[in-house]
Amino acid sequence: MAHQIVATGRSRTGIPTGRLAVWWIIGSEIVIFGGLIATYLLNRFNHGPSWSAEAAHTNTFIGAANTFWLLTSSLFVVFAHAASERKDANKTRMWIWLTIMLGGFFMGFKSYEYATEILHGYTIFTSNFWSFYYLATGLHGFHVLCGMVIMAIIAENDIKNERNWHRVENIGLYWHFVDIVWIFLFPLMYIAK
């Protein structure tokens, strides 16, 4: 009798495969952002005053507003998860779309900030600080955008049709990770001048 493989929603550890996949993605992203932040800190310590002079040109108000948008969106994704646990499709979708809206505010503020910085001559080629700034915040913004797209797909494809409720928890884990990355980037890029 041949051994037959059966696909299941759980790994051998008992952890749902979707959740396990999200944790693997988060682990790999920690390596990427951790390496980027470590390199940033080494450069900051080696360049001292010149680094601080460049950092003084970031817009702390916009950085703080973006922190507010992301932290509030993290709360909204918690509400979405709670609603999904109750199988309340309308509330789940509402909280997901409010999370997406705040992610949109973040991206809008970030786009405005990039435009004003570039108009003032601060580009990726200006200095090491600005290279790190655009790389780190741009990579983070890409992750925010990806999270927004995935949330929209979950809201309109899965929750609207009242299936795959577990995906709300999975995207919530990812969204919280993206917010935690910002909690590290905000003080490094905007406050520690």
C-alpha atoms as a PDB file:
ATOM      1  CA  MET A   1       0.000   0.000   0.000  1.00  0.00           C
ATOM      2  CA  ALA A   2       1.483   3.325  -1.079  1.00  0.00           C
ATOM      3  CA  HIS A   3       1.867   6.165   1.398  1.00  0.00           C
ATOM      4  CA  GLN A   4      -0.604   8.896   0.586  1.00  0.00           C
ATOM      5  CA  ILE A   5       0.075  12.555   1.426  1.00  0.00           C
ATOM      6  CA  VAL A   6      -2.912  14.457   2.751  1.00  0.00           C
ATOM      7  CA  ALA A   7      -2.924  18.258   2.696  1.00  0.00           C
ATOM      8  CA  THR A   8      -4.033  19.798   5.969  1.00  0.00           C
ATOM      9  CA  GLY A   9      -4.307  23.250   7.424  1.00  0.00           C
ATOM     10  CA  ARG A  10      -1.930  22.397  10.272  1.00  0.00           C
ATOM     11  CA  SER A  11       1.780  21.690  10.451  1.00  0.00           C
ATOM     12  CA  ARG A  12       3.271  18.833  12.436  1.00  0.00           C
ATOM     13  CA  THR A  13       3.624  21.227  15.363  1.00  0.00           C
ATOM     14  CA  GLY A  14      -0.127  21.802  15.389  1.00  0.00           C
ATOM     15  CA  ILE A  15       0.272  25.430  14.346  1.00  0.00           C
ATOM     16  CA  PRO A  16      -1.969  26.380  11.404  1.00  0.00           C
ATOM     17  CA  THR A  17       0.160  26.513   8.245  1.00  0.00           C
ATOM     18  CA  GLY A  18      -0.946  30.050   7.358  1.00  0.00           C
ATOM     19  CA  ARG A  19       0.113  31.388  10.743  1.00  0.00           C
ATOM     20  CA  LEU A  20       3.389  29.474  10.549  1.00  0.00           C
ATOM     21  CA  ALA A  21       4.062  30.983   7.112  1.00  0.00           C
ATOM     22  CA  VAL A  22       3.446  34.492   8.450  1.00  0.00           C
ATOM     23  CA  TRP A  23       5.900  33.869  11.296  1.00  0.00           C
ATOM     24  CA  TRP A  24       8.515  32.649   8.797  1.00  0.00           C
ATOM     25  CA  ILE A  25       7.984  35.798   6.730  1.00  0.00           C
ATOM     26  CA  ILE A  26       8.280  37.974   9.841  1.00  0.00           C
ATOM     27  CA  GLY A  27      11.480  36.146  10.829  1.00  0.00           C
ATOM     28  CA  SER A  28      13.050  36.838   7.444  1.00  0.00           C
ATOM     29  CA  GLU A  29      11.938  40.480   7.598  1.00  0.00           C
ATOM     30  CA  ILE A  30      13.523  40.838  11.042  1.00  0.00           C
ATOM     31  CA  VAL A  31      16.827  39.795   9.474  1.00  0.00           C
ATOM     32  CA  ILE A  32      16.412  42.347   6.661  1.00  0.00           C
ATOM     33  CA  PHE A  33      15.333  45.290   8.820  1.00  0.00           C
ATOM     34  CA  GLY A  34      17.665  44.278  11.668  1.00  0.00           C
ATOM     35  CA  GLY A  35      20.650  44.322   9.318  1.00  0.00           C
ATOM     36  CA  LEU A  36      19.557  47.642   7.861  1.00  0.00           C
ATOM     37  CA  ILE A  37      19.113  49.234  11.295  1.00  0.00           C
ATOM     38  CA  ALA A  38      22.438  47.825  12.550  1.00  0.00           C
ATOM     39  CA  THR A  39      24.225  49.239   9.489  1.00  0.00           C
ATOM     40  CA  TYR A  40      22.459  52.565  10.011  1.00  0.00           C
ATOM     41  CA  LEU A  41      23.630  52.719  13.639  1.00  0.00           C
ATOM     42  CA  LEU A  42      27.233  51.857  12.715  1.00  0.00           C
ATOM     43  CA  ASN A  43      27.253  54.631  10.114  1.00  0.00           C
ATOM     44  CA  ARG A  44      25.661  57.078  12.525  1.00  0.00           C
ATOM     45  CA  PHE A  45      28.310  56.421  15.175  1.00  0.00           C
ATOM     46  CA  ASN A  46      31.117  56.693  12.619  1.00  0.00           C
ATOM     47  CA  HIS A  47      29.888  59.946  11.041  1.00  0.00           C
ATOM     48  CA  GLY A  48      28.812  61.767  14.229  1.00  0.00           C
ATOM     49  CA  PRO A  49      28.056  65.481  13.782  1.00  0.00           C
ATOM     50  CA  SER A  50      27.649  65.391   9.995  1.00  0.00           C
ATOM     51  CA  TRP A  51      25.035  62.661  10.389  1.00  0.00           C
ATOM     52  CA  SER A  52      23.106  64.720  12.956  1.00  0.00           C
ATOM     53  CA  ALA A  53      23.202  67.773  10.690  1.00  0.00           C
ATOM     54  CA  GLU A  54      21.557  65.779   7.889  1.00  0.00           C
ATOM     55  CA  ALA A  55      18.997  64.186  10.228  1.00  0.00           C
ATOM     56  CA  ALA A  56      17.946  67.652  11.414  1.00  0.00           C
ATOM     57  CA  HIS A  57      16.214  68.164   8.046  1.00  0.00           C
ATOM     58  CA  THR A  58      13.641  65.394   8.512  1.00  0.00           C
ATOM     59  CA  ASN A  59      10.084  66.481   9.272  1.00  0.00           C
ATOM     60  CA  THR A  60       9.429  65.324  12.844  1.00  0.00           C
ATOM     61  CA  PHE A  61       5.773  66.415  12.721  1.00  0.00           C
ATOM     62  CA  ILE A  62       5.049  64.174   9.734  1.00  0.00           C
ATOM     63  CA  GLY A  63       7.004  61.340  11.329  1.00  0.00           C
ATOM     64  CA  ALA A  64       4.936  61.714  14.520  1.00  0.00           C
ATOM     65  CA  ALA A  65       1.674  61.890  12.556  1.00  0.00           C
ATOM     66  CA  ASN A  66       2.656  58.731  10.696  1.00  0.00           C
ATOM     67  CA  THR A  67       3.403  57.057  14.023  1.00  0.00           C
ATOM     68  CA  PHE A  68      -0.099  58.001  15.167  1.00  0.00           C
ATOM     69  CA  TRP A  69      -1.677  56.601  11.966  1.00  0.00           C
ATOM     70  CA  LEU A  70       0.167  53.300  12.278  1.00  0.00           C
ATOM     71  CA  LEU A  71      -0.394  52.786  16.001  1.00  0.00           C
ATOM     72  CA  THR A  72      -4.093  53.567  15.615  1.00  0.00           C
ATOM     73  CA  SER A  73      -4.301  51.218  12.628  1.00  0.00           C
ATOM     74  CA  SER A  74      -2.760  48.507  14.799  1.00  0.00           C
ATOM     75  CA  LEU A  75      -5.604  49.000  17.275  1.00  0.00           C
ATOM     76  CA  PHE A  76      -8.122  48.771  14.425  1.00  0.00           C
ATOM     77  CA  VAL A  77      -6.657  45.487  13.202  1.00  0.00           C
ATOM     78  CA  VAL A  78      -7.091  44.138  16.761  1.00  0.00           C
ATOM     79  CA  PHE A  79     -10.763  45.149  16.558  1.00  0.00           C
ATOM     80  CA  ALA A  80     -11.003  43.434  13.147  1.00  0.00           C
ATOM     81  CA  HIS A  81      -9.566  40.246  14.621  1.00  0.00           C
ATOM     82  CA  ALA A  82     -11.996  40.372  17.561  1.00  0.00           C
ATOM     83  CA  ALA A  83     -14.918  40.807  15.140  1.00  0.00           C
ATOM     84  CA  SER A  84     -13.648  37.920  13.002  1.00  0.00           C
ATOM     85  CA  GLU A  85     -13.525  35.697  16.091  1.00  0.00           C
ATOM     86  CA  ARG A  86     -17.256  36.445  16.504  1.00  0.00           C
ATOM     87  CA  LYS A  87     -17.763  35.784  12.755  1.00  0.00           C
ATOM     88  CA  ASP A  88     -19.177  39.307  12.370  1.00  0.00           C
ATOM     89  CA  ALA A  89     -18.434  39.970   8.704  1.00  0.00           C
ATOM     90  CA  ASN A  90     -19.694  43.573   8.642  1.00  0.00           C
ATOM     91  CA  LYS A  91     -17.633  44.693  11.641  1.00  0.00           C
ATOM     92  CA  THR A  92     -14.577  42.758  10.458  1.00  0.00           C
ATOM     93  CA  ARG A  93     -14.721  44.423   7.049  1.00  0.00           C
ATOM     94  CA  MET A  94     -15.344  47.845   8.611  1.00  0.00           C
ATOM     95  CA  TRP A  95     -12.281  47.573  10.872  1.00  0.00           C
ATOM     96  CA  ILE A  96     -10.129  46.222   8.037  1.00  0.00           C
ATOM     97  CA  TRP A  97     -11.136  49.107   5.770  1.00  0.00           C
ATOM     98  CA  LEU A  98     -10.472  51.631   8.549  1.00  0.00           C
ATOM     99  CA  THR A  99      -7.026  50.056   8.973  1.00  0.00           C
ATOM    100  CA  ILE A 100      -6.450  50.391   5.224  1.00  0.00           C
ATOM    101  CA  MET A 101      -7.601  54.024   5.362  1.00  0.00           C
ATOM    102  CA  LEU A 102      -5.040  54.841   8.069  1.00  0.00           C
ATOM    103  CA  GLY A 103      -2.395  52.997   6.061  1.00  0.00           C
ATOM    104  CA  GLY A 104      -3.405  55.265   3.176  1.00  0.00           C
ATOM    105  CA  PHE A 105      -2.949  58.326   5.388  1.00  0.00           C
ATOM    106  CA  PHE A 106       0.514  57.031   6.276  1.00  0.00           C
ATOM    107  CA  MET A 107       1.409  56.576   2.601  1.00  0.00           C
ATOM    108  CA  GLY A 108      -0.022  59.985   1.682  1.00  0.00           C
ATOM    109  CA  PHE A 109       1.966  61.766   4.395  1.00  0.00           C
ATOM    110  CA  LYS A 110       5.091  59.809   3.442  1.00  0.00           C
ATOM    111  CA  SER A 111       4.644  60.750  -0.246  1.00  0.00           C
ATOM    112  CA  TYR A 112       4.232  64.422   0.664  1.00  0.00           C
ATOM    113  CA  GLU A 113       7.293  64.211   2.895  1.00  0.00           C
ATOM    114  CA  TYR A 114       9.389  62.619   0.140  1.00  0.00           C
ATOM    115  CA  ALA A 115       8.269  65.276  -2.349  1.00  0.00           C
ATOM    116  CA  THR A 116       9.189  68.180  -0.057  1.00  0.00           C
ATOM    117  CA  GLU A 117      12.542  66.631   0.872  1.00  0.00           C
ATOM    118  CA  ILE A 118      13.439  66.051  -2.771  1.00  0.00           C
ATOM    119  CA  LEU A 119      12.380  69.626  -3.646  1.00  0.00           C
ATOM    120  CA  HIS A 120      14.761  70.855  -0.936  1.00  0.00           C
ATOM    121  CA  GLY A 121      17.595  68.858  -2.494  1.00  0.00           C
ATOM    122  CA  TYR A 122      17.633  65.887  -0.115  1.00  0.00           C
ATOM    123  CA  THR A 123      17.754  62.882  -2.408  1.00  0.00           C
ATOM    124  CA  ILE A 124      19.050  59.350  -2.061  1.00  0.00           C
ATOM    125  CA  PHE A 125      22.363  60.623  -3.489  1.00  0.00           C
ATOM    126  CA  THR A 126      22.805  63.589  -1.107  1.00  0.00           C
ATOM    127  CA  SER A 127      24.560  61.719   1.714  1.00  0.00           C
ATOM    128  CA  ASN A 128      24.785  58.402   3.536  1.00  0.00           C
ATOM    129  CA  PHE A 129      22.056  59.537   5.924  1.00  0.00           C
ATOM    130  CA  TRP A 130      19.602  60.256   3.109  1.00  0.00           C
ATOM    131  CA  SER A 131      20.488  56.981   1.381  1.00  0.00           C
ATOM    132  CA  PHE A 132      19.650  55.074   4.563  1.00  0.00           C
ATOM    133  CA  TYR A 133      16.582  57.220   5.179  1.00  0.00           C
ATOM    134  CA  TYR A 134      15.057  56.571   1.756  1.00  0.00           C
ATOM    135  CA  LEU A 135      16.026  52.893   1.749  1.00  0.00           C
ATOM    136  CA  ALA A 136      14.637  52.161   5.232  1.00  0.00           C
ATOM    137  CA  THR A 137      11.473  54.247   4.993  1.00  0.00           C
ATOM    138  CA  GLY A 138      10.881  53.210   1.382  1.00  0.00           C
ATOM    139  CA  LEU A 139      11.226  49.519   2.218  1.00  0.00           C
ATOM    140  CA  HIS A 140       8.904  50.035   5.173  1.00  0.00           C
ATOM    141  CA  GLY A 141       6.409  51.903   2.980  1.00  0.00           C
ATOM    142  CA  PHE A 142       6.476  49.017   0.504  1.00  0.00           C
ATOM    143  CA  HIS A 143       5.547  46.668   3.359  1.00  0.00           C
ATOM    144  CA  VAL A 144       2.704  48.984   4.417  1.00  0.00           C
ATOM    145  CA  LEU A 145       1.405  49.015   0.843  1.00  0.00           C
ATOM    146  CA  CYS A 146       1.610  45.209   0.581  1.00  0.00           C
ATOM    147  CA  GLY A 147      -0.294  44.877   3.863  1.00  0.00           C
ATOM    148  CA  MET A 148      -3.003  47.237   2.620  1.00  0.00           C
ATOM    149  CA  VAL A 149      -3.456  45.259  -0.608  1.00  0.00           C
ATOM    150  CA  ILE A 150      -3.614  41.925   1.218  1.00  0.00           C
ATOM    151  CA  MET A 151      -6.130  43.343   3.723  1.00  0.00           C
ATOM    152  CA  ALA A 152      -8.344  44.591   0.890  1.00  0.00           C
ATOM    153  CA  ILE A 153      -8.248  41.145  -0.729  1.00  0.00           C
ATOM    154  CA  ILE A 154      -9.126  39.478   2.581  1.00  0.00           C
ATOM    155  CA  ALA A 155     -11.972  41.937   3.262  1.00  0.00           C
ATOM    156  CA  GLU A 156     -13.520  41.682  -0.183  1.00  0.00           C
ATOM    157  CA  ASN A 157     -12.802  38.063  -1.064  1.00  0.00           C
ATOM    158  CA  ASP A 158     -12.815  36.087   2.170  1.00  0.00           C
ATOM    159  CA  ILE A 159     -14.738  38.014   4.813  1.00  0.00           C
ATOM    160  CA  LYS A 160     -17.414  39.294   2.436  1.00  0.00           C
ATOM    161  CA  ASN A 161     -18.068  35.648   1.520  1.00  0.00           C
ATOM    162  CA  GLU A 162     -17.735  34.596   5.185  1.00  0.00           C
ATOM    163  CA  ARG A 163     -14.844  32.173   4.785  1.00  0.00           C
ATOM    164  CA  ASN A 164     -11.164  31.946   5.784  1.00  0.00           C
ATOM    165  CA  TRP A 165     -11.666  33.986   8.959  1.00  0.00           C
ATOM    166  CA  HIS A 166      -8.184  32.961  10.159  1.00  0.00           C
ATOM    167  CA  ARG A 167      -6.619  35.197   7.522  1.00  0.00           C
ATOM    168  CA  VAL A 168      -7.601  38.254   9.572  1.00  0.00           C
ATOM    169  CA  GLU A 169      -5.345  37.031  12.377  1.00  0.00           C
ATOM    170  CA  ASN A 170      -2.532  36.313   9.914  1.00  0.00           C
ATOM    171  CA  ILE A 171      -2.610  39.750   8.298  1.00  0.00           C
ATOM    172  CA  GLY A 172      -2.909  41.239  11.798  1.00  0.00           C
ATOM    173  CA  LEU A 173       0.378  39.595  12.797  1.00  0.00           C
ATOM    174  CA  TYR A 174       2.042  41.011   9.686  1.00  0.00           C
ATOM    175  CA  TRP A 175       0.551  44.484  10.259  1.00  0.00           C
ATOM    176  CA  HIS A 176       1.758  44.579  13.859  1.00  0.00           C
ATOM    177  CA  PHE A 177       5.249  43.653  12.675  1.00  0.00           C
ATOM    178  CA  VAL A 178       5.205  46.512  10.152  1.00  0.00           C
ATOM    179  CA  ASP A 179       4.152  48.884  12.944  1.00  0.00           C
ATOM    180  CA  ILE A 180       6.923  47.634  15.234  1.00  0.00           C
ATOM    181  CA  VAL A 181       9.476  48.303  12.486  1.00  0.00           C
ATOM    182  CA  TRP A 182       8.199  51.889  12.314  1.00  0.00           C
ATOM    183  CA  ILE A 183       8.567  52.214  16.098  1.00  0.00           C
ATOM    184  CA  PHE A 184      12.294  51.578  15.543  1.00  0.00           C
ATOM    185  CA  LEU A 185      12.609  53.769  12.432  1.00  0.00           C
ATOM    186  CA  PHE A 186      10.788  56.808  13.813  1.00  0.00           C
ATOM    187  CA  PRO A 187      13.219  57.625  16.637  1.00  0.00           C
ATOM    188  CA  LEU A 188      16.263  56.747  14.529  1.00  0.00           C
ATOM    189  CA  MET A 189      15.290  58.911  11.563  1.00  0.00           C
ATOM    190  CA  TYR A 190      13.319  61.723  13.182  1.00  0.00           C
ATOM    191  CA  ILE A 191      14.090  62.136  16.886  1.00  0.00           C
ATOM    192  CA  ALA A 192      17.731  61.135  17.493  1.00  0.00           C
ATOM    193  CA  LYS A 193      19.252  64.156  15.798  1.00  0.00           C
END
